[in-house]
Amino acid sequence: ANVFVKNTMHGTISDYFGYFSFVA
């Protein structure tokens, strides 16, 4: 799944188990 900061190109995607992690 897609996870990104609104109005920016910064974000990440979740892995096979739905987990995600990034700096915000």
PDB file of all heavy atoms in Angstrom:
ATOM      1  N   ALA A   1       0.841  -1.190   0.000  1.00  0.00           N
ATOM      2  CA  ALA A   1       0.000   0.000   0.000  1.00  0.00           C
ATOM      3  C   ALA A   1       0.879   1.244   0.000  1.00  0.00           C
ATOM      4  O   ALA A   1       2.019   1.227   0.477  1.00  0.00           O
ATOM      5  CB  ALA A   1      -0.925   0.002   1.218  1.00  0.00           C
ATOM      6  N   ASN A   2       0.362   2.342  -0.520  1.00  0.00           N
ATOM      7  CA  ASN A   2       1.116   3.590  -0.632  1.00  0.00           C
ATOM      8  C   ASN A   2       0.919   4.449   0.617  1.00  0.00           C
ATOM      9  O   ASN A   2      -0.202   4.619   1.099  1.00  0.00           O
ATOM     10  CB  ASN A   2       0.669   4.375  -1.870  1.00  0.00           C
ATOM     11  CG  ASN A   2       0.887   3.596  -3.151  1.00  0.00           C
ATOM     12  OD1 ASN A   2       1.963   3.061  -3.374  1.00  0.00           O
ATOM     13  ND2 ASN A   2      -0.135   3.511  -3.975  1.00  0.00           N
ATOM     14  N   VAL A   3       2.030   4.997   1.105  1.00  0.00           N
ATOM     15  CA  VAL A   3       2.014   5.939   2.235  1.00  0.00           C
ATOM     16  C   VAL A   3       2.884   7.122   1.837  1.00  0.00           C
ATOM     17  O   VAL A   3       4.086   6.958   1.606  1.00  0.00           O
ATOM     18  CB  VAL A   3       2.552   5.288   3.524  1.00  0.00           C
ATOM     19  CG1 VAL A   3       2.416   6.260   4.692  1.00  0.00           C
ATOM     20  CG2 VAL A   3       1.845   3.978   3.820  1.00  0.00           C
ATOM     21  N   PHE A   4       2.285   8.293   1.727  1.00  0.00           N
ATOM     22  CA  PHE A   4       3.076   9.458   1.330  1.00  0.00           C
ATOM     23  C   PHE A   4       2.552  10.705   2.027  1.00  0.00           C
ATOM     24  O   PHE A   4       1.397  10.764   2.462  1.00  0.00           O
ATOM     25  CB  PHE A   4       3.043   9.668  -0.192  1.00  0.00           C
ATOM     26  CG  PHE A   4       1.660   9.903  -0.746  1.00  0.00           C
ATOM     27  CD1 PHE A   4       1.162  11.189  -0.905  1.00  0.00           C
ATOM     28  CD2 PHE A   4       0.851   8.832  -1.103  1.00  0.00           C
ATOM     29  CE1 PHE A   4      -0.098  11.416  -1.415  1.00  0.00           C
ATOM     30  CE2 PHE A   4      -0.409   9.045  -1.616  1.00  0.00           C
ATOM     31  CZ  PHE A   4      -0.890  10.329  -1.778  1.00  0.00           C
ATOM     32  N   VAL A   5       3.446  11.684   2.144  1.00  0.00           N
ATOM     33  CA  VAL A   5       3.095  12.958   2.757  1.00  0.00           C
ATOM     34  C   VAL A   5       2.331  13.791   1.737  1.00  0.00           C
ATOM     35  O   VAL A   5       2.733  13.896   0.564  1.00  0.00           O
ATOM     36  CB  VAL A   5       4.354  13.700   3.240  1.00  0.00           C
ATOM     37  CG1 VAL A   5       3.973  15.022   3.898  1.00  0.00           C
ATOM     38  CG2 VAL A   5       5.146  12.827   4.202  1.00  0.00           C
ATOM     39  N   LYS A   6       1.232  14.363   2.161  1.00  0.00           N
ATOM     40  CA  LYS A   6       0.370  15.110   1.250  1.00  0.00           C
ATOM     41  C   LYS A   6       1.116  16.274   0.600  1.00  0.00           C
ATOM     42  O   LYS A   6       1.894  16.978   1.242  1.00  0.00           O
ATOM     43  CB  LYS A   6      -0.852  15.632   2.021  1.00  0.00           C
ATOM     44  CG  LYS A   6      -1.882  16.311   1.143  1.00  0.00           C
ATOM     45  CD  LYS A   6      -3.082  16.749   1.962  1.00  0.00           C
ATOM     46  CE  LYS A   6      -4.115  17.441   1.077  1.00  0.00           C
ATOM     47  NZ  LYS A   6      -5.287  17.897   1.861  1.00  0.00           N
ATOM     48  N   ASN A   7       0.887  16.423  -0.720  1.00  0.00           N
ATOM     49  CA  ASN A   7       1.466  17.505  -1.526  1.00  0.00           C
ATOM     50  C   ASN A   7       2.980  17.406  -1.640  1.00  0.00           C
ATOM     51  O   ASN A   7       3.655  18.407  -1.920  1.00  0.00           O
ATOM     52  CB  ASN A   7       1.079  18.887  -0.977  1.00  0.00           C
ATOM     53  CG  ASN A   7      -0.424  19.101  -0.997  1.00  0.00           C
ATOM     54  OD1 ASN A   7      -1.123  18.594  -1.879  1.00  0.00           O
ATOM     55  ND2 ASN A   7      -0.930  19.841  -0.028  1.00  0.00           N
ATOM     56  N   THR A   8       3.546  16.236  -1.401  1.00  0.00           N
ATOM     57  CA  THR A   8       4.982  16.025  -1.562  1.00  0.00           C
ATOM     58  C   THR A   8       5.198  14.695  -2.262  1.00  0.00           C
ATOM     59  O   THR A   8       4.278  13.912  -2.471  1.00  0.00           O
ATOM     60  CB  THR A   8       5.718  16.018  -0.212  1.00  0.00           C
ATOM     61  OG1 THR A   8       5.297  14.879   0.541  1.00  0.00           O
ATOM     62  CG2 THR A   8       5.429  17.286   0.572  1.00  0.00           C
ATOM     63  N   MET A   9       6.461  14.434  -2.613  1.00  0.00           N
ATOM     64  CA  MET A   9       6.844  13.157  -3.202  1.00  0.00           C
ATOM     65  C   MET A   9       7.500  12.247  -2.178  1.00  0.00           C
ATOM     66  O   MET A   9       8.105  11.239  -2.528  1.00  0.00           O
ATOM     67  CB  MET A   9       7.806  13.397  -4.379  1.00  0.00           C
ATOM     68  CG  MET A   9       7.210  14.234  -5.498  1.00  0.00           C
ATOM     69  SD  MET A   9       5.777  13.458  -6.272  1.00  0.00           S
ATOM     70  CE  MET A   9       6.566  12.056  -7.048  1.00  0.00           C
ATOM     71  N   HIS A  10       7.392  12.596  -0.921  1.00  0.00           N
ATOM     72  CA  HIS A  10       8.049  11.848   0.147  1.00  0.00           C
ATOM     73  C   HIS A  10       7.091  10.805   0.711  1.00  0.00           C
ATOM     74  O   HIS A  10       5.927  11.105   1.001  1.00  0.00           O
ATOM     75  CB  HIS A  10       8.493  12.801   1.258  1.00  0.00           C
ATOM     76  CG  HIS A  10       9.215  12.118   2.376  1.00  0.00           C
ATOM     77  ND1 HIS A  10      10.404  11.447   2.196  1.00  0.00           N
ATOM     78  CD2 HIS A  10       8.911  11.997   3.696  1.00  0.00           C
ATOM     79  CE1 HIS A  10      10.799  10.946   3.345  1.00  0.00           C
ATOM     80  NE2 HIS A  10       9.911  11.264   4.281  1.00  0.00           N
ATOM     81  N   GLY A  11       7.545   9.572   0.829  1.00  0.00           N
ATOM     82  CA  GLY A  11       6.710   8.517   1.372  1.00  0.00           C
ATOM     83  C   GLY A  11       7.348   7.153   1.181  1.00  0.00           C
ATOM     84  O   GLY A  11       8.555   7.030   0.917  1.00  0.00           O
ATOM     85  N   THR A  12       6.535   6.119   1.283  1.00  0.00           N
ATOM     86  CA  THR A  12       7.031   4.753   1.148  1.00  0.00           C
ATOM     87  C   THR A  12       5.855   3.845   0.825  1.00  0.00           C
ATOM     88  O   THR A  12       4.714   4.320   0.647  1.00  0.00           O
ATOM     89  CB  THR A  12       7.723   4.295   2.449  1.00  0.00           C
ATOM     90  OG1 THR A  12       8.262   2.993   2.258  1.00  0.00           O
ATOM     91  CG2 THR A  12       6.741   4.252   3.598  1.00  0.00           C
ATOM     92  N   ILE A  13       6.117   2.529   0.753  1.00  0.00           N
ATOM     93  CA  ILE A  13       5.068   1.535   0.548  1.00  0.00           C
ATOM     94  C   ILE A  13       5.214   0.457   1.623  1.00  0.00           C
ATOM     95  O   ILE A  13       6.308   0.219   2.132  1.00  0.00           O
ATOM     96  CB  ILE A  13       5.124   0.894  -0.855  1.00  0.00           C
ATOM     97  CG1 ILE A  13       6.459   0.186  -1.065  1.00  0.00           C
ATOM     98  CG2 ILE A  13       4.889   1.941  -1.928  1.00  0.00           C
ATOM     99  CD1 ILE A  13       6.545  -0.571  -2.369  1.00  0.00           C
ATOM    100  N   SER A  14       4.119  -0.181   1.944  1.00  0.00           N
ATOM    101  CA  SER A  14       4.148  -1.244   2.947  1.00  0.00           C
ATOM    102  C   SER A  14       4.706  -2.519   2.332  1.00  0.00           C
ATOM    103  O   SER A  14       4.640  -2.729   1.118  1.00  0.00           O
ATOM    104  CB  SER A  14       2.749  -1.493   3.499  1.00  0.00           C
ATOM    105  OG  SER A  14       1.873  -1.908   2.458  1.00  0.00           O
ATOM    106  N   ASP A  15       5.240  -3.389   3.170  1.00  0.00           N
ATOM    107  CA  ASP A  15       5.790  -4.644   2.683  1.00  0.00           C
ATOM    108  C   ASP A  15       4.680  -5.694   2.585  1.00  0.00           C
ATOM    109  O   ASP A  15       3.488  -5.372   2.666  1.00  0.00           O
ATOM    110  CB  ASP A  15       6.929  -5.129   3.592  1.00  0.00           C
ATOM    111  CG  ASP A  15       6.460  -5.371   5.024  1.00  0.00           C
ATOM    112  OD1 ASP A  15       5.237  -5.293   5.276  1.00  0.00           O
ATOM    113  OD2 ASP A  15       7.301  -5.641   5.894  1.00  0.00           O
ATOM    114  N   TYR A  16       5.072  -6.957   2.420  1.00  0.00           N
ATOM    115  CA  TYR A  16       4.104  -8.040   2.235  1.00  0.00           C
ATOM    116  C   TYR A  16       3.199  -8.188   3.453  1.00  0.00           C
ATOM    117  O   TYR A  16       2.050  -8.622   3.321  1.00  0.00           O
ATOM    118  CB  TYR A  16       4.842  -9.352   1.960  1.00  0.00           C
ATOM    119  CG  TYR A  16       3.928 -10.525   1.730  1.00  0.00           C
ATOM    120  CD1 TYR A  16       3.289 -10.707   0.501  1.00  0.00           C
ATOM    121  CD2 TYR A  16       3.697 -11.449   2.732  1.00  0.00           C
ATOM    122  CE1 TYR A  16       2.440 -11.771   0.298  1.00  0.00           C
ATOM    123  CE2 TYR A  16       2.850 -12.532   2.541  1.00  0.00           C
ATOM    124  CZ  TYR A  16       2.222 -12.690   1.310  1.00  0.00           C
ATOM    125  OH  TYR A  16       1.385 -13.759   1.116  1.00  0.00           O
ATOM    126  N   PHE A  17       3.684  -7.839   4.621  1.00  0.00           N
ATOM    127  CA  PHE A  17       2.908  -7.975   5.851  1.00  0.00           C
ATOM    128  C   PHE A  17       2.212  -6.672   6.248  1.00  0.00           C
ATOM    129  O   PHE A  17       1.719  -6.545   7.363  1.00  0.00           O
ATOM    130  CB  PHE A  17       3.813  -8.450   6.989  1.00  0.00           C
ATOM    131  CG  PHE A  17       4.487  -9.752   6.707  1.00  0.00           C
ATOM    132  CD1 PHE A  17       5.805  -9.790   6.264  1.00  0.00           C
ATOM    133  CD2 PHE A  17       3.803 -10.951   6.847  1.00  0.00           C
ATOM    134  CE1 PHE A  17       6.429 -10.990   5.998  1.00  0.00           C
ATOM    135  CE2 PHE A  17       4.426 -12.159   6.579  1.00  0.00           C
ATOM    136  CZ  PHE A  17       5.742 -12.187   6.153  1.00  0.00           C
ATOM    137  N   GLY A  18       2.192  -5.678   5.358  1.00  0.00           N
ATOM    138  CA  GLY A  18       1.524  -4.416   5.630  1.00  0.00           C
ATOM    139  C   GLY A  18       2.312  -3.443   6.476  1.00  0.00           C
ATOM    140  O   GLY A  18       1.799  -2.382   6.849  1.00  0.00           O
ATOM    141  N   TYR A  19       3.567  -3.744   6.780  1.00  0.00           N
ATOM    142  CA  TYR A  19       4.380  -2.893   7.651  1.00  0.00           C
ATOM    143  C   TYR A  19       5.097  -1.825   6.824  1.00  0.00           C
ATOM    144  O   TYR A  19       5.536  -2.062   5.693  1.00  0.00           O
ATOM    145  CB  TYR A  19       5.398  -3.748   8.406  1.00  0.00           C
ATOM    146  CG  TYR A  19       6.364  -2.947   9.242  1.00  0.00           C
ATOM    147  CD1 TYR A  19       5.995  -2.439  10.480  1.00  0.00           C
ATOM    148  CD2 TYR A  19       7.653  -2.694   8.766  1.00  0.00           C
ATOM    149  CE1 TYR A  19       6.881  -1.701  11.243  1.00  0.00           C
ATOM    150  CE2 TYR A  19       8.547  -1.959   9.521  1.00  0.00           C
ATOM    151  CZ  TYR A  19       8.158  -1.460  10.757  1.00  0.00           C
ATOM    152  OH  TYR A  19       9.048  -0.725  11.498  1.00  0.00           O
ATOM    153  N   PHE A  20       5.245  -0.645   7.398  1.00  0.00           N
ATOM    154  CA  PHE A  20       5.961   0.447   6.756  1.00  0.00           C
ATOM    155  C   PHE A  20       6.694   1.249   7.822  1.00  0.00           C
ATOM    156  O   PHE A  20       6.335   1.222   9.014  1.00  0.00           O
ATOM    157  CB  PHE A  20       5.009   1.369   5.984  1.00  0.00           C
ATOM    158  CG  PHE A  20       4.073   2.143   6.864  1.00  0.00           C
ATOM    159  CD1 PHE A  20       4.404   3.400   7.344  1.00  0.00           C
ATOM    160  CD2 PHE A  20       2.855   1.607   7.237  1.00  0.00           C
ATOM    161  CE1 PHE A  20       3.554   4.116   8.170  1.00  0.00           C
ATOM    162  CE2 PHE A  20       1.985   2.314   8.059  1.00  0.00           C
ATOM    163  CZ  PHE A  20       2.335   3.555   8.520  1.00  0.00           C
ATOM    164  N   SER A  21       7.718   1.991   7.399  1.00  0.00           N
ATOM    165  CA  SER A  21       8.480   2.848   8.301  1.00  0.00           C
ATOM    166  C   SER A  21       9.278   3.835   7.474  1.00  0.00           C
ATOM    167  O   SER A  21       9.954   3.438   6.509  1.00  0.00           O
ATOM    168  CB  SER A  21       9.403   2.008   9.195  1.00  0.00           C
ATOM    169  OG  SER A  21      10.145   2.844  10.076  1.00  0.00           O
ATOM    170  N   PHE A  22       9.207   5.104   7.831  1.00  0.00           N
ATOM    171  CA  PHE A  22       9.993   6.131   7.149  1.00  0.00           C
ATOM    172  C   PHE A  22      10.065   7.356   8.057  1.00  0.00           C
ATOM    173  O   PHE A  22       9.393   7.451   9.087  1.00  0.00           O
ATOM    174  CB  PHE A  22       9.390   6.488   5.785  1.00  0.00           C
ATOM    175  CG  PHE A  22       8.095   7.248   5.875  1.00  0.00           C
ATOM    176  CD1 PHE A  22       8.039   8.599   5.589  1.00  0.00           C
ATOM    177  CD2 PHE A  22       6.925   6.595   6.237  1.00  0.00           C
ATOM    178  CE1 PHE A  22       6.853   9.295   5.665  1.00  0.00           C
ATOM    179  CE2 PHE A  22       5.732   7.283   6.303  1.00  0.00           C
ATOM    180  CZ  PHE A  22       5.694   8.635   6.024  1.00  0.00           C
ATOM    181  N   VAL A  23      10.902   8.310   7.670  1.00  0.00           N
ATOM    182  CA  VAL A  23      11.125   9.526   8.456  1.00  0.00           C
ATOM    183  C   VAL A  23      10.133  10.593   8.010  1.00  0.00           C
ATOM    184  O   VAL A  23      10.013  10.889   6.821  1.00  0.00           O
ATOM    185  CB  VAL A  23      12.566  10.024   8.297  1.00  0.00           C
ATOM    186  CG1 VAL A  23      12.758  11.327   9.066  1.00  0.00           C
ATOM    187  CG2 VAL A  23      13.555   8.972   8.780  1.00  0.00           C
ATOM    188  N   ALA A  24       9.426  11.162   8.953  1.00  0.00           N
ATOM    189  CA  ALA A  24       8.454  12.213   8.683  1.00  0.00           C
ATOM    190  C   ALA A  24       8.650  13.344   9.693  1.00  0.00           C
ATOM    191  O   ALA A  24       9.550  13.296  10.545  1.00  0.00           O
ATOM    192  CB  ALA A  24       7.032  11.657   8.760  1.00  0.00           C
TER     193      ALA A  24
END
